[in-house]
Amino acid sequence: PQYGLVFDAGSTHTSLYTYRWPADKENGTGIVSQVDVCSVSGPGISSYADDPAGAGASLKACLDKAMKIVPAEQQRDTPTYLGATAGMRLLREQNSTKAEQVLAEVAKAIGEYPVDFRGARILTGREEGSFGWITVNYLLETLVKFSFAEKWEHPRDTEVLGALDLGGASTQITFQPGVPVEDRNTSVFFRLYGTNYSLYSHSYLCYGQTQALKMLLAALHQSSPTAQISHPCYPSGYQENVTVAELYDSPCVHAPSTASPALVLTVMGTGDPAGCRSAIQKLFNFSCRAQRPCGFNGVYQPPVRGQFFVRS
């Protein structure tokens, strides 16, 4: 068998997946199984903007573990990738030099191991969405299935599922529409196990859970006359303090010019479900321009079709 290593560098944490597959392919695509997953301790690599070497060092424990799993004689032939997602997309927007330094340090750390390192890079939102779609459909056996005839076959009468993925800093929607995709930026094509797939995929930056909650708090702050912010989504009696600098530390939120960075804001929960729903709805613009269907914020999206698998 062959092995492969993939670091999934998300906005809040990083995981290292170890995969194994038989040498021969089925119709041009391998049948892969996950042998191990290792959770890297500490935050996501984008949190190391001011300590890039720390990002590299954080990966070592998981790499050491993987080197005990992959047989020594196969390590040099083990393709190894690091794909970063929206946390690093945001850092690149904020400070591209720091983003490059973080990627350089993680590449340097992985490069010290005897593997076939294929690079550390920031995935596009479209790649992130479509890779997630492949994972969901592969695991649910809608792409390929081991038949009664004891061979791998394309399942008949099986519809693929759409994939929704709520991350920390972005959220993705990917599905096979019933109509051609009109916008090249959102269309993806794959050939898997001998079958062609034309997909729609889009990633909404800032609409992951962590960043969306930040946008919500910023909106509540901007409509609050004082430094006391009533938060309808937090339970009554909940209280936390946050400085203006901490709240507006991301490209997803824009500080009002009048706000002093050192000012401490007091966030108080009011436990108001209807008020919470209404405040969250204001983060989305559901109106679409001229005769073209859209998801939200005017982003083109063909009519949704089929069943969806949601992961977070």
Protein backbone atom coordinates (compact mmCIF):
# COMPACT_ATOMS: atom_id res chain seq x y z
CA PRO A 1 0.00 0.00 0.00
CA GLN A 2 0.93 3.66 -0.34
CA TYR A 3 0.57 6.35 2.33
CA GLY A 4 -0.22 10.05 2.24
CA LEU A 5 -0.21 12.82 4.85
CA VAL A 6 -2.45 15.88 4.81
CA PHE A 7 -2.43 18.79 7.25
CA ASP A 8 -5.81 20.51 7.37
CA ALA A 9 -4.89 23.95 8.74
CA GLY A 10 -8.19 25.52 9.79
CA SER A 11 -8.77 28.89 11.43
CA THR A 12 -9.10 27.47 14.96
CA HIS A 13 -6.98 24.31 14.82
CA THR A 14 -4.87 22.02 12.63
CA SER A 15 -5.25 18.27 12.11
CA LEU A 16 -2.87 15.81 10.44
CA TYR A 17 -4.58 12.99 8.55
CA THR A 18 -2.71 9.81 7.60
CA TYR A 19 -4.16 7.92 4.62
CA ARG A 20 -3.41 4.56 3.01
CA TRP A 21 -4.45 3.13 -0.36
CA PRO A 22 -3.64 0.10 -2.53
CA ALA A 23 -1.13 0.73 -5.31
CA ASP A 24 -3.62 0.17 -8.14
CA LYS A 25 -6.43 2.59 -8.98
CA GLU A 26 -10.10 2.07 -9.84
CA ASN A 27 -10.87 3.83 -13.10
CA GLY A 28 -8.11 6.37 -12.47
CA THR A 29 -8.86 7.19 -8.79
CA GLY A 30 -7.54 5.51 -5.64
CA ILE A 31 -9.63 3.85 -2.92
CA VAL A 32 -8.38 5.58 0.21
CA SER A 33 -8.78 4.83 3.90
CA GLN A 34 -7.90 7.05 6.84
CA VAL A 35 -5.47 5.33 9.20
CA ASP A 36 -5.01 8.07 11.78
CA VAL A 37 -5.88 11.64 12.67
CA CYS A 38 -3.70 13.72 14.98
CA SER A 39 -4.93 16.97 16.47
CA VAL A 40 -2.16 19.59 16.63
CA SER A 41 -2.09 21.23 20.05
CA GLY A 42 -2.66 24.98 20.19
CA PRO A 43 -4.59 27.34 17.90
CA GLY A 44 -4.70 27.51 14.09
CA ILE A 45 -1.52 28.51 12.23
CA SER A 46 -2.94 31.97 11.43
CA SER A 47 -2.71 32.73 15.18
CA TYR A 48 1.10 32.54 14.87
CA ALA A 49 1.34 35.72 12.76
CA ASP A 50 3.73 37.24 15.32
CA ASP A 51 5.59 33.97 16.02
CA PRO A 52 5.82 32.13 12.68
CA ALA A 53 8.43 29.67 13.98
CA GLY A 54 5.90 28.62 16.62
CA ALA A 55 3.53 27.53 13.84
CA GLY A 56 6.19 25.18 12.48
CA ALA A 57 7.13 23.84 15.91
CA SER A 58 3.47 23.11 16.70
CA LEU A 59 3.31 20.49 13.91
CA LYS A 60 6.21 18.37 15.12
CA ALA A 61 4.43 16.14 17.64
CA CYS A 62 1.91 15.01 15.01
CA LEU A 63 4.65 14.48 12.40
CA ASP A 64 6.61 12.36 14.90
CA LYS A 65 3.47 10.26 15.44
CA ALA A 66 2.93 9.84 11.69
CA MET A 67 6.53 8.67 11.26
CA LYS A 68 5.73 5.79 13.64
CA ILE A 69 2.72 4.81 11.49
CA VAL A 70 4.19 5.03 7.98
CA PRO A 71 6.80 2.26 7.49
CA ALA A 72 10.30 3.79 7.37
CA GLU A 73 11.04 2.39 3.90
CA GLN A 74 7.94 4.13 2.48
CA GLN A 75 8.33 7.55 4.09
CA ARG A 76 10.33 9.07 1.21
CA ASP A 77 7.51 8.16 -1.19
CA THR A 78 4.77 9.53 1.06
CA PRO A 79 3.19 12.65 -0.47
CA THR A 80 2.64 15.27 2.22
CA TYR A 81 0.54 18.41 1.89
CA LEU A 82 -0.57 21.29 4.06
CA GLY A 83 -3.72 23.11 3.00
CA ALA A 84 -4.75 26.22 4.92
CA THR A 85 -8.22 27.72 4.79
CA ALA A 86 -10.02 30.91 5.79
CA GLY A 87 -7.98 31.80 8.87
CA MET A 88 -4.95 32.19 6.60
CA ARG A 89 -7.03 33.85 3.83
CA LEU A 90 -7.92 36.55 6.37
CA LEU A 91 -4.31 36.89 7.57
CA ARG A 92 -3.18 37.24 3.94
CA GLU A 93 -5.74 40.05 3.52
CA GLN A 94 -4.52 41.73 6.70
CA ASN A 95 -0.79 41.21 6.23
CA SER A 96 0.44 39.15 3.28
CA THR A 97 4.05 39.19 4.52
CA LYS A 98 3.08 37.57 7.82
CA ALA A 99 0.96 34.99 6.00
CA GLU A 100 3.94 34.09 3.78
CA GLN A 101 6.23 33.83 6.82
CA VAL A 102 3.83 31.43 8.55
CA LEU A 103 3.61 29.25 5.42
CA ALA A 104 7.40 29.34 5.02
CA GLU A 105 7.90 28.18 8.62
CA VAL A 106 5.41 25.31 8.41
CA ALA A 107 7.01 24.25 5.11
CA LYS A 108 10.44 24.35 6.74
CA ALA A 109 9.22 22.22 9.68
CA ILE A 110 7.64 19.59 7.41
CA GLY A 111 10.71 19.66 5.15
CA GLU A 112 12.85 18.37 8.03
CA TYR A 113 11.04 15.02 7.82
CA PRO A 114 11.89 12.28 5.28
CA VAL A 115 8.65 12.64 3.30
CA ASP A 116 7.77 13.69 -0.26
CA PHE A 117 6.65 17.20 0.72
CA ARG A 118 4.40 18.69 -1.97
CA GLY A 119 3.93 22.14 -0.45
CA ALA A 120 2.05 24.27 2.06
CA ARG A 121 -0.44 26.70 0.59
CA ILE A 122 -3.72 28.50 1.14
CA LEU A 123 -6.55 26.66 -0.64
CA THR A 124 -9.09 28.70 -2.56
CA GLY A 125 -12.60 28.70 -1.11
CA ARG A 126 -13.74 26.77 -4.16
CA GLU A 127 -11.13 24.04 -3.59
CA GLU A 128 -12.06 23.83 0.09
CA GLY A 129 -15.74 23.43 -0.79
CA SER A 130 -15.21 20.88 -3.53
CA PHE A 131 -12.71 18.77 -1.54
CA GLY A 132 -15.32 18.64 1.23
CA TRP A 133 -17.94 17.56 -1.32
CA ILE A 134 -15.69 14.73 -2.55
CA THR A 135 -15.09 13.58 1.06
CA VAL A 136 -18.81 13.48 1.91
CA ASN A 137 -19.80 11.64 -1.25
CA TYR A 138 -16.87 9.22 -1.10
CA LEU A 139 -17.74 8.25 2.49
CA LEU A 140 -21.46 7.92 1.71
CA GLU A 141 -20.54 5.68 -1.25
CA THR A 142 -22.30 7.77 -3.88
CA LEU A 143 -19.13 7.92 -6.04
CA VAL A 144 -17.92 4.33 -5.84
CA LYS A 145 -19.14 1.19 -4.06
CA PHE A 146 -17.85 -2.37 -3.59
CA SER A 147 -20.47 -4.47 -5.38
CA PHE A 148 -21.86 -7.98 -4.81
CA ALA A 149 -19.67 -8.99 -7.74
CA GLU A 150 -16.75 -8.05 -5.45
CA LYS A 151 -15.54 -5.15 -7.53
CA TRP A 152 -15.62 -1.38 -7.20
CA GLU A 153 -18.41 0.10 -9.31
CA HIS A 154 -20.18 3.38 -9.89
CA PRO A 155 -23.43 3.01 -7.88
CA ARG A 156 -26.55 3.00 -10.07
CA ASP A 157 -29.63 5.08 -9.16
CA THR A 158 -27.71 6.96 -6.47
CA GLU A 159 -27.83 10.75 -6.32
CA VAL A 160 -24.77 12.58 -5.04
CA LEU A 161 -25.31 14.83 -2.02
CA GLY A 162 -24.64 18.53 -1.73
CA ALA A 163 -22.19 19.62 0.98
CA LEU A 164 -22.55 22.49 3.45
CA ASP A 165 -19.53 23.18 5.65
CA LEU A 166 -19.54 25.69 8.50
CA GLY A 167 -15.96 26.49 9.46
CA GLY A 168 -14.53 29.01 11.90
CA ALA A 169 -13.87 31.80 9.39
CA SER A 170 -15.80 30.79 6.25
CA THR A 171 -18.71 28.63 5.16
CA GLN A 172 -18.94 26.60 1.94
CA ILE A 173 -21.78 25.34 -0.25
CA THR A 174 -21.08 22.79 -3.01
CA PHE A 175 -23.60 20.79 -5.06
CA GLN A 176 -24.37 19.37 -8.50
CA PRO A 177 -26.96 21.75 -9.99
CA GLY A 178 -29.58 20.71 -12.53
CA VAL A 179 -28.54 23.54 -14.88
CA PRO A 180 -25.16 24.68 -16.27
CA VAL A 181 -23.22 26.95 -13.87
CA GLU A 182 -23.28 30.48 -15.37
CA ASP A 183 -20.31 31.88 -13.46
CA ARG A 184 -16.86 30.44 -14.14
CA ASN A 185 -15.66 31.50 -10.68
CA THR A 186 -18.08 29.12 -9.00
CA SER A 187 -17.89 26.14 -11.34
CA VAL A 188 -15.77 23.05 -10.67
CA PHE A 189 -15.18 19.96 -12.76
CA PHE A 190 -13.95 16.56 -11.52
CA ARG A 191 -13.50 13.12 -13.04
CA LEU A 192 -13.69 10.54 -10.25
CA TYR A 193 -13.71 6.76 -10.65
CA GLY A 194 -14.46 7.20 -14.36
CA THR A 195 -17.46 9.51 -13.92
CA ASN A 196 -17.57 13.26 -14.70
CA TYR A 197 -19.01 15.75 -12.20
CA SER A 198 -19.86 19.40 -12.83
CA LEU A 199 -20.36 21.24 -9.57
CA TYR A 200 -21.22 24.66 -8.19
CA SER A 201 -19.03 25.69 -5.26
CA HIS A 202 -18.69 28.92 -3.32
CA SER A 203 -17.08 29.91 -0.03
CA TYR A 204 -18.40 32.87 1.95
CA LEU A 205 -15.42 34.43 3.72
CA CYS A 206 -16.23 35.80 7.22
CA TYR A 207 -19.38 33.67 7.51
CA GLY A 208 -17.72 30.92 9.55
CA GLN A 209 -18.93 30.68 13.13
CA THR A 210 -16.13 32.62 14.87
CA GLN A 211 -16.07 35.50 12.38
CA ALA A 212 -19.87 35.67 12.00
CA LEU A 213 -20.23 36.01 15.79
CA LYS A 214 -17.62 38.79 15.60
CA MET A 215 -19.65 40.55 12.85
CA LEU A 216 -22.76 40.16 15.03
CA LEU A 217 -21.07 41.67 18.10
CA ALA A 218 -19.66 44.54 15.99
CA ALA A 219 -23.15 45.29 14.65
CA LEU A 220 -24.61 45.23 18.18
CA HIS A 221 -21.80 47.53 19.35
CA GLN A 222 -22.40 50.00 16.51
CA SER A 223 -26.10 50.23 17.32
CA SER A 224 -25.44 50.57 21.06
CA PRO A 225 -25.33 54.10 22.50
CA THR A 226 -22.97 53.12 25.35
CA ALA A 227 -20.09 50.73 26.10
CA GLN A 228 -22.72 48.33 27.51
CA ILE A 229 -23.80 45.96 24.75
CA SER A 230 -27.00 43.92 25.14
CA HIS A 231 -26.53 40.59 23.36
CA PRO A 232 -29.81 38.79 22.59
CA CYS A 233 -28.04 35.53 21.63
CA TYR A 234 -26.26 35.08 24.97
CA PRO A 235 -28.18 33.78 28.00
CA SER A 236 -29.52 36.22 30.54
CA GLY A 237 -26.93 36.80 33.27
CA TYR A 238 -23.95 36.09 30.98
CA GLN A 239 -21.35 38.87 30.96
CA GLU A 240 -17.95 39.34 29.32
CA ASN A 241 -15.56 42.20 28.70
CA VAL A 242 -13.89 42.82 25.35
CA THR A 243 -11.78 45.75 24.20
CA VAL A 244 -12.54 47.63 20.99
CA ALA A 245 -9.11 46.50 19.71
CA GLU A 246 -9.96 42.81 20.30
CA LEU A 247 -13.39 43.11 18.71
CA TYR A 248 -12.08 44.81 15.55
CA ASP A 249 -8.92 42.69 15.07
CA SER A 250 -10.18 41.07 11.84
CA PRO A 251 -10.81 42.18 8.23
CA CYS A 252 -14.39 40.92 8.66
CA VAL A 253 -15.27 43.87 10.90
CA HIS A 254 -14.56 47.58 10.49
CA ALA A 255 -14.16 49.73 13.59
CA PRO A 256 -16.04 53.04 13.67
CA SER A 257 -13.45 55.84 13.51
CA THR A 258 -14.77 57.26 16.79
CA ALA A 259 -14.05 54.12 18.84
CA SER A 260 -10.92 54.22 21.00
CA PRO A 261 -9.03 50.89 20.79
CA ALA A 262 -8.40 50.65 24.54
CA LEU A 263 -12.07 51.13 25.45
CA VAL A 264 -13.49 48.15 27.34
CA LEU A 265 -16.93 47.03 26.19
CA THR A 266 -19.22 45.07 28.51
CA VAL A 267 -21.27 42.43 26.72
CA MET A 268 -24.39 41.37 28.60
CA GLY A 269 -26.62 38.47 27.57
CA THR A 270 -30.37 39.11 27.43
CA GLY A 271 -31.48 35.64 26.26
CA ASP A 272 -33.92 36.88 23.62
CA PRO A 273 -34.34 34.27 20.82
CA ALA A 274 -36.47 36.50 18.56
CA GLY A 275 -34.06 39.42 18.98
CA CYS A 276 -31.14 37.07 18.30
CA ARG A 277 -32.68 35.77 15.09
CA SER A 278 -33.43 39.29 13.91
CA ALA A 279 -29.89 40.54 14.69
CA ILE A 280 -28.30 37.60 12.85
CA GLN A 281 -30.60 38.06 9.84
CA LYS A 282 -29.22 41.60 9.43
CA LEU A 283 -25.78 40.12 8.61
CA PHE A 284 -27.24 38.67 5.39
CA ASN A 285 -28.59 40.43 2.32
CA PHE A 286 -30.98 38.00 0.64
CA SER A 287 -32.09 40.27 -2.21
CA CYS A 288 -30.80 39.25 -5.66
CA ARG A 289 -29.93 41.45 -8.63
CA ALA A 290 -31.52 41.19 -12.11
CA GLN A 291 -32.92 37.80 -13.09
CA ARG A 292 -30.02 35.82 -11.61
CA PRO A 293 -30.55 33.47 -8.68
CA CYS A 294 -28.24 34.10 -5.74
CA GLY A 295 -27.36 32.71 -2.34
CA PHE A 296 -26.82 35.84 -0.23
CA ASN A 297 -24.91 39.14 -0.51
CA GLY A 298 -25.58 39.02 -4.27
CA VAL A 299 -23.40 35.93 -4.87
CA TYR A 300 -24.62 33.93 -7.89
CA GLN A 301 -26.00 30.50 -7.01
CA PRO A 302 -28.07 28.22 -9.26
CA PRO A 303 -31.24 26.75 -7.67
CA VAL A 304 -30.27 24.24 -4.98
CA ARG A 305 -30.96 20.63 -5.83
CA GLY A 306 -31.03 17.30 -3.99
CA GLN A 307 -30.21 16.45 -0.41
CA PHE A 308 -27.39 18.06 1.55
CA PHE A 309 -24.94 16.80 4.15
CA VAL A 310 -23.98 19.46 6.69
CA ARG A 311 -20.73 19.40 8.64
CA SER A 312 -19.03 21.79 11.01
